Amino acid sequence: MSDTYQAELVGPDGIETIELEFINGLPQKSFVRATPGHEDDKTDDVVWELDEGADEVFRYEPAGRPAEDYS
């Protein structure tokens, strides 16, 4: 079994495929990363959440900015 998997980041500027590490054999639920095309601009960091309804692909969508309260 591989320790990594291919993930699709579905952002406002398109889709980017990246490699992520499994955690205890499961895909990561969320992580912080720049939006596709903005890797050098830290102001564009967003929280990416796993779309658990996606079939046969690990797809992540933006869920907000880090450290902001969305409650």
PDB file of N, CA and C in Angstrom:
ATOM      1  N   MET A   1       0.842  -1.185   0.000  1.00  0.00           N
ATOM      2  CA  MET A   1       0.000   0.000   0.000  1.00  0.00           C
ATOM      3  C   MET A   1       0.886   1.248   0.000  1.00  0.00           C
ATOM      4  N   SER A   2       0.522   2.192  -0.817  1.00  0.00           N
ATOM      5  CA  SER A   2       1.285   3.424  -0.938  1.00  0.00           C
ATOM      6  C   SER A   2       1.006   4.347   0.246  1.00  0.00           C
ATOM      7  N   ASP A   3       2.003   5.134   0.609  1.00  0.00           N
ATOM      8  CA  ASP A   3       1.832   6.097   1.687  1.00  0.00           C
ATOM      9  C   ASP A   3       1.282   7.428   1.183  1.00  0.00           C
ATOM     10  N   THR A   4       1.155   7.569  -0.137  1.00  0.00           N
ATOM     11  CA  THR A   4       0.673   8.817  -0.718  1.00  0.00           C
ATOM     12  C   THR A   4      -0.470   8.544  -1.699  1.00  0.00           C
ATOM     13  N   TYR A   5      -1.175   9.610  -2.055  1.00  0.00           N
ATOM     14  CA  TYR A   5      -2.269   9.510  -3.012  1.00  0.00           C
ATOM     15  C   TYR A   5      -2.370  10.805  -3.815  1.00  0.00           C
ATOM     16  N   GLN A   6      -3.009  10.715  -4.967  1.00  0.00           N
ATOM     17  CA  GLN A   6      -3.236  11.882  -5.820  1.00  0.00           C
ATOM     18  C   GLN A   6      -4.529  12.558  -5.378  1.00  0.00           C
ATOM     19  N   ALA A   7      -4.480  13.862  -5.205  1.00  0.00           N
ATOM     20  CA  ALA A   7      -5.650  14.632  -4.788  1.00  0.00           C
ATOM     21  C   ALA A   7      -5.900  15.751  -5.790  1.00  0.00           C
ATOM     22  N   GLU A   8      -7.167  16.031  -6.056  1.00  0.00           N
ATOM     23  CA  GLU A   8      -7.547  17.138  -6.929  1.00  0.00           C
ATOM     24  C   GLU A   8      -7.997  18.306  -6.073  1.00  0.00           C
ATOM     25  N   LEU A   9      -7.399  19.479  -6.322  1.00  0.00           N
ATOM     26  CA  LEU A   9      -7.838  20.708  -5.666  1.00  0.00           C
ATOM     27  C   LEU A   9      -8.715  21.444  -6.662  1.00  0.00           C
ATOM     28  N   VAL A  10      -9.985  21.612  -6.340  1.00  0.00           N
ATOM     29  CA  VAL A  10     -10.928  22.278  -7.235  1.00  0.00           C
ATOM     30  C   VAL A  10     -11.113  23.695  -6.718  1.00  0.00           C
ATOM     31  N   GLY A  11     -10.452  24.652  -7.374  1.00  0.00           N
ATOM     32  CA  GLY A  11     -10.501  26.039  -6.948  1.00  0.00           C
ATOM     33  C   GLY A  11     -11.154  26.926  -7.980  1.00  0.00           C
ATOM     34  N   PRO A  12     -11.220  28.209  -7.703  1.00  0.00           N
ATOM     35  CA  PRO A  12     -11.873  29.156  -8.612  1.00  0.00           C
ATOM     36  C   PRO A  12     -11.146  29.313  -9.952  1.00  0.00           C
ATOM     37  N   ASP A  13      -9.856  28.974  -9.981  1.00  0.00           N
ATOM     38  CA  ASP A  13      -9.073  29.123 -11.214  1.00  0.00           C
ATOM     39  C   ASP A  13      -8.805  27.801 -11.905  1.00  0.00           C
ATOM     40  N   GLY A  14      -9.509  26.738 -11.521  1.00  0.00           N
ATOM     41  CA  GLY A  14      -9.306  25.451 -12.169  1.00  0.00           C
ATOM     42  C   GLY A  14      -8.992  24.344 -11.183  1.00  0.00           C
ATOM     43  N   ILE A  15      -8.497  23.251 -11.737  1.00  0.00           N
ATOM     44  CA  ILE A  15      -8.182  22.060 -10.944  1.00  0.00           C
ATOM     45  C   ILE A  15      -6.683  21.813 -10.979  1.00  0.00           C
ATOM     46  N   GLU A  16      -6.127  21.508  -9.829  1.00  0.00           N
ATOM     47  CA  GLU A  16      -4.714  21.166  -9.721  1.00  0.00           C
ATOM     48  C   GLU A  16      -4.620  19.805  -9.051  1.00  0.00           C
ATOM     49  N   THR A  17      -3.733  18.950  -9.546  1.00  0.00           N
ATOM     50  CA  THR A  17      -3.507  17.642  -8.941  1.00  0.00           C
ATOM     51  C   THR A  17      -2.212  17.685  -8.149  1.00  0.00           C
ATOM     52  N   ILE A  18      -2.293  17.250  -6.887  1.00  0.00           N
ATOM     53  CA  ILE A  18      -1.117  17.220  -6.021  1.00  0.00           C
ATOM     54  C   ILE A  18      -1.029  15.849  -5.356  1.00  0.00           C
ATOM     55  N   GLU A  19       0.097  15.577  -4.732  1.00  0.00           N
ATOM     56  CA  GLU A  19       0.295  14.329  -4.000  1.00  0.00           C
ATOM     57  C   GLU A  19       0.266  14.635  -2.510  1.00  0.00           C
ATOM     58  N   LEU A  20      -0.527  13.867  -1.762  1.00  0.00           N
ATOM     59  CA  LEU A  20      -0.633  14.027  -0.317  1.00  0.00           C
ATOM     60  C   LEU A  20      -0.312  12.704   0.363  1.00  0.00           C
ATOM     61  N   GLU A  21      -0.002  12.774   1.638  1.00  0.00           N
ATOM     62  CA  GLU A  21       0.279  11.567   2.416  1.00  0.00           C
ATOM     63  C   GLU A  21      -0.970  11.100   3.145  1.00  0.00           C
ATOM     64  N   PHE A  22      -1.180   9.776   3.149  1.00  0.00           N
ATOM     65  CA  PHE A  22      -2.236   9.204   3.966  1.00  0.00           C
ATOM     66  C   PHE A  22      -1.869   9.373   5.434  1.00  0.00           C
ATOM     67  N   ILE A  23      -2.873   9.504   6.291  1.00  0.00           N
ATOM     68  CA  ILE A  23      -2.674   9.552   7.737  1.00  0.00           C
ATOM     69  C   ILE A  23      -3.384   8.338   8.313  1.00  0.00           C
ATOM     70  N   ASN A  24      -2.609   7.431   8.881  1.00  0.00           N
ATOM     71  CA  ASN A  24      -3.153   6.167   9.409  1.00  0.00           C
ATOM     72  C   ASN A  24      -3.969   5.425   8.352  1.00  0.00           C
ATOM     73  N   GLY A  25      -3.510   5.483   7.097  1.00  0.00           N
ATOM     74  CA  GLY A  25      -4.165   4.770   6.016  1.00  0.00           C
ATOM     75  C   GLY A  25      -5.374   5.468   5.416  1.00  0.00           C
ATOM     76  N   LEU A  26      -5.687   6.665   5.894  1.00  0.00           N
ATOM     77  CA  LEU A  26      -6.855   7.404   5.411  1.00  0.00           C
ATOM     78  C   LEU A  26      -6.429   8.718   4.767  1.00  0.00           C
ATOM     79  N   PRO A  27      -7.253   9.225   3.818  1.00  0.00           N
ATOM     80  CA  PRO A  27      -6.923  10.526   3.225  1.00  0.00           C
ATOM     81  C   PRO A  27      -7.086  11.638   4.256  1.00  0.00           C
ATOM     82  N   GLN A  28      -6.341  12.696   4.080  1.00  0.00           N
ATOM     83  CA  GLN A  28      -6.437  13.835   4.986  1.00  0.00           C
ATOM     84  C   GLN A  28      -7.822  14.471   4.851  1.00  0.00           C
ATOM     85  N   LYS A  29      -8.417  14.830   5.986  1.00  0.00           N
ATOM     86  CA  LYS A  29      -9.741  15.472   5.972  1.00  0.00           C
ATOM     87  C   LYS A  29      -9.639  16.920   5.497  1.00  0.00           C
ATOM     88  N   SER A  30      -8.556  17.598   5.905  1.00  0.00           N
ATOM     89  CA  SER A  30      -8.355  18.988   5.499  1.00  0.00           C
ATOM     90  C   SER A  30      -6.892  19.365   5.678  1.00  0.00           C
ATOM     91  N   PHE A  31      -6.485  20.435   4.998  1.00  0.00           N
ATOM     92  CA  PHE A  31      -5.130  20.958   5.119  1.00  0.00           C
ATOM     93  C   PHE A  31      -5.134  22.393   4.615  1.00  0.00           C
ATOM     94  N   VAL A  32      -4.058  23.141   4.899  1.00  0.00           N
ATOM     95  CA  VAL A  32      -3.938  24.535   4.467  1.00  0.00           C
ATOM     96  C   VAL A  32      -2.928  24.608   3.342  1.00  0.00           C
ATOM     97  N   ARG A  33      -3.301  25.309   2.272  1.00  0.00           N
ATOM     98  CA  ARG A  33      -2.424  25.456   1.105  1.00  0.00           C
ATOM     99  C   ARG A  33      -2.940  26.614   0.273  1.00  0.00           C
ATOM    100  N   ALA A  34      -2.066  27.180  -0.538  1.00  0.00           N
ATOM    101  CA  ALA A  34      -2.471  28.263  -1.436  1.00  0.00           C
ATOM    102  C   ALA A  34      -3.436  27.739  -2.488  1.00  0.00           C
ATOM    103  N   THR A  35      -4.259  28.624  -3.011  1.00  0.00           N
ATOM    104  CA  THR A  35      -5.150  28.241  -4.100  1.00  0.00           C
ATOM    105  C   THR A  35      -4.310  27.940  -5.336  1.00  0.00           C
ATOM    106  N   PRO A  36      -4.794  27.069  -6.241  1.00  0.00           N
ATOM    107  CA  PRO A  36      -4.014  26.764  -7.456  1.00  0.00           C
ATOM    108  C   PRO A  36      -3.624  28.036  -8.192  1.00  0.00           C
ATOM    109  N   GLY A  37      -2.353  28.107  -8.562  1.00  0.00           N
ATOM    110  CA  GLY A  37      -1.842  29.271  -9.272  1.00  0.00           C
ATOM    111  C   GLY A  37      -1.331  30.370  -8.380  1.00  0.00           C
ATOM    112  N   HIS A  38      -1.487  30.235  -7.056  1.00  0.00           N
ATOM    113  CA  HIS A  38      -1.073  31.287  -6.124  1.00  0.00           C
ATOM    114  C   HIS A  38      -0.105  30.777  -5.064  1.00  0.00           C
ATOM    115  N   GLU A  39       0.727  29.786  -5.383  1.00  0.00           N
ATOM    116  CA  GLU A  39       1.581  29.153  -4.380  1.00  0.00           C
ATOM    117  C   GLU A  39       2.550  30.119  -3.703  1.00  0.00           C
ATOM    118  N   ASP A  40       2.957  31.203  -4.387  1.00  0.00           N
ATOM    119  CA  ASP A  40       3.943  32.113  -3.810  1.00  0.00           C
ATOM    120  C   ASP A  40       3.312  33.227  -2.988  1.00  0.00           C
ATOM    121  N   ASP A  41       1.999  33.346  -2.995  1.00  0.00           N
ATOM    122  CA  ASP A  41       1.309  34.431  -2.296  1.00  0.00           C
ATOM    123  C   ASP A  41       0.610  33.869  -1.066  1.00  0.00           C
ATOM    124  N   LYS A  42       1.211  34.025   0.103  1.00  0.00           N
ATOM    125  CA  LYS A  42       0.669  33.436   1.325  1.00  0.00           C
ATOM    126  C   LYS A  42      -0.676  34.053   1.715  1.00  0.00           C
ATOM    127  N   THR A  43      -1.033  35.221   1.187  1.00  0.00           N
ATOM    128  CA  THR A  43      -2.332  35.811   1.508  1.00  0.00           C
ATOM    129  C   THR A  43      -3.460  35.012   0.889  1.00  0.00           C
ATOM    130  N   ASP A  44      -3.153  34.134  -0.051  1.00  0.00           N
ATOM    131  CA  ASP A  44      -4.176  33.327  -0.694  1.00  0.00           C
ATOM    132  C   ASP A  44      -4.265  31.927  -0.111  1.00  0.00           C
ATOM    133  N   ASP A  45      -3.677  31.694   1.073  1.00  0.00           N
ATOM    134  CA  ASP A  45      -3.795  30.393   1.717  1.00  0.00           C
ATOM    135  C   ASP A  45      -5.248  30.151   2.101  1.00  0.00           C
ATOM    136  N   VAL A  46      -5.718  28.944   1.848  1.00  0.00           N
ATOM    137  CA  VAL A  46      -7.071  28.564   2.225  1.00  0.00           C
ATOM    138  C   VAL A  46      -7.052  27.186   2.863  1.00  0.00           C
ATOM    139  N   VAL A  47      -8.110  26.881   3.594  1.00  0.00           N
ATOM    140  CA  VAL A  47      -8.309  25.541   4.143  1.00  0.00           C
ATOM    141  C   VAL A  47      -8.997  24.730   3.052  1.00  0.00           C
ATOM    142  N   TRP A  48      -8.440  23.552   2.752  1.00  0.00           N
ATOM    143  CA  TRP A  48      -9.021  22.648   1.762  1.00  0.00           C
ATOM    144  C   TRP A  48      -9.660  21.492   2.496  1.00  0.00           C
ATOM    145  N   GLU A  49     -10.923  21.188   2.185  1.00  0.00           N
ATOM    146  CA  GLU A  49     -11.625  20.086   2.835  1.00  0.00           C
ATOM    147  C   GLU A  49     -11.949  19.002   1.826  1.00  0.00           C
ATOM    148  N   LEU A  50     -11.834  17.759   2.273  1.00  0.00           N
ATOM    149  CA  LEU A  50     -12.125  16.605   1.441  1.00  0.00           C
ATOM    150  C   LEU A  50     -13.614  16.547   1.119  1.00  0.00           C
ATOM    151  N   ASP A  51     -13.941  16.356  -0.157  1.00  0.00           N
ATOM    152  CA  ASP A  51     -15.314  16.139  -0.594  1.00  0.00           C
ATOM    153  C   ASP A  51     -15.575  14.647  -0.472  1.00  0.00           C
ATOM    154  N   GLU A  52     -16.198  14.248   0.620  1.00  0.00           N
ATOM    155  CA  GLU A  52     -16.382  12.826   0.895  1.00  0.00           C
ATOM    156  C   GLU A  52     -17.428  12.183  -0.004  1.00  0.00           C
ATOM    157  N   GLY A  53     -18.142  12.976  -0.798  1.00  0.00           N
ATOM    158  CA  GLY A  53     -19.131  12.432  -1.715  1.00  0.00           C
ATOM    159  C   GLY A  53     -18.570  12.139  -3.092  1.00  0.00           C
ATOM    160  N   ALA A  54     -17.317  12.501  -3.328  1.00  0.00           N
ATOM    161  CA  ALA A  54     -16.701  12.270  -4.637  1.00  0.00           C
ATOM    162  C   ALA A  54     -16.389  10.790  -4.807  1.00  0.00           C
ATOM    163  N   ASP A  55     -16.725  10.246  -5.975  1.00  0.00           N
ATOM    164  CA  ASP A  55     -16.478   8.832  -6.261  1.00  0.00           C
ATOM    165  C   ASP A  55     -15.140   8.642  -6.952  1.00  0.00           C
ATOM    166  N   GLU A  56     -14.370   7.660  -6.484  1.00  0.00           N
ATOM    167  CA  GLU A  56     -13.143   7.202  -7.135  1.00  0.00           C
ATOM    168  C   GLU A  56     -12.065   8.267  -7.301  1.00  0.00           C
ATOM    169  N   VAL A  57     -12.185   9.390  -6.581  1.00  0.00           N
ATOM    170  CA  VAL A  57     -11.158  10.430  -6.635  1.00  0.00           C
ATOM    171  C   VAL A  57     -11.139  11.128  -5.280  1.00  0.00           C
ATOM    172  N   PHE A  58      -9.959  11.585  -4.883  1.00  0.00           N
ATOM    173  CA  PHE A  58      -9.839  12.376  -3.661  1.00  0.00           C
ATOM    174  C   PHE A  58      -9.904  13.833  -4.077  1.00  0.00           C
ATOM    175  N   ARG A  59     -11.074  14.460  -3.914  1.00  0.00           N
ATOM    176  CA  ARG A  59     -11.294  15.833  -4.360  1.00  0.00           C
ATOM    177  C   ARG A  59     -11.427  16.739  -3.141  1.00  0.00           C
ATOM    178  N   TYR A  60     -10.746  17.868  -3.210  1.00  0.00           N
ATOM    179  CA  TYR A  60     -10.783  18.854  -2.132  1.00  0.00           C
ATOM    180  C   TYR A  60     -11.301  20.179  -2.680  1.00  0.00           C
ATOM    181  N   GLU A  61     -12.070  20.883  -1.850  1.00  0.00           N
ATOM    182  CA  GLU A  61     -12.612  22.182  -2.222  1.00  0.00           C
ATOM    183  C   GLU A  61     -12.269  23.195  -1.147  1.00  0.00           C
ATOM    184  N   PRO A  62     -12.136  24.484  -1.519  1.00  0.00           N
ATOM    185  CA  PRO A  62     -11.818  25.514  -0.525  1.00  0.00           C
ATOM    186  C   PRO A  62     -12.930  25.634   0.510  1.00  0.00           C
ATOM    187  N   ALA A  63     -12.528  25.790   1.772  1.00  0.00           N
ATOM    188  CA  ALA A  63     -13.509  25.868   2.858  1.00  0.00           C
ATOM    189  C   ALA A  63     -13.334  27.126   3.701  1.00  0.00           C
ATOM    190  N   GLY A  64     -12.521  28.059   3.258  1.00  0.00           N
ATOM    191  CA  GLY A  64     -12.315  29.296   4.005  1.00  0.00           C
ATOM    192  C   GLY A  64     -10.847  29.580   4.238  1.00  0.00           C
ATOM    193  N   ARG A  65     -10.602  30.644   4.933  1.00  0.00           N
ATOM    194  CA  ARG A  65      -9.231  31.058   5.243  1.00  0.00           C
ATOM    195  C   ARG A  65      -8.820  30.513   6.608  1.00  0.00           C
ATOM    196  N   PRO A  66      -7.532  30.212   6.772  1.00  0.00           N
ATOM    197  CA  PRO A  66      -7.056  29.722   8.076  1.00  0.00           C
ATOM    198  C   PRO A  66      -7.276  30.732   9.184  1.00  0.00           C
ATOM    199  N   ALA A  67      -7.599  30.244  10.370  1.00  0.00           N
ATOM    200  CA  ALA A  67      -7.737  31.056  11.590  1.00  0.00           C
ATOM    201  C   ALA A  67      -8.931  31.999  11.566  1.00  0.00           C
ATOM    202  N   GLU A  68      -9.852  31.848  10.634  1.00  0.00           N
ATOM    203  CA  GLU A  68     -11.081  32.658  10.644  1.00  0.00           C
ATOM    204  C   GLU A  68     -12.204  31.824  11.239  1.00  0.00           C
ATOM    205  N   ASP A  69     -13.098  32.471  11.939  1.00  0.00           N
ATOM    206  CA  ASP A  69     -14.214  31.790  12.590  1.00  0.00           C
ATOM    207  C   ASP A  69     -15.432  31.832  11.664  1.00  0.00           C
ATOM    208  N   TYR A  70     -15.882  30.653  11.231  1.00  0.00           N
ATOM    209  CA  TYR A  70     -17.014  30.577  10.321  1.00  0.00           C
ATOM    210  C   TYR A  70     -18.273  30.040  11.006  1.00  0.00           C
ATOM    211  N   SER A  71     -18.290  30.069  12.335  1.00  0.00           N
ATOM    212  CA  SER A  71     -19.455  29.530  13.047  1.00  0.00           C
ATOM    213  C   SER A  71     -20.606  30.511  13.063  1.00  0.00           C
TER     214      SER A  71
END
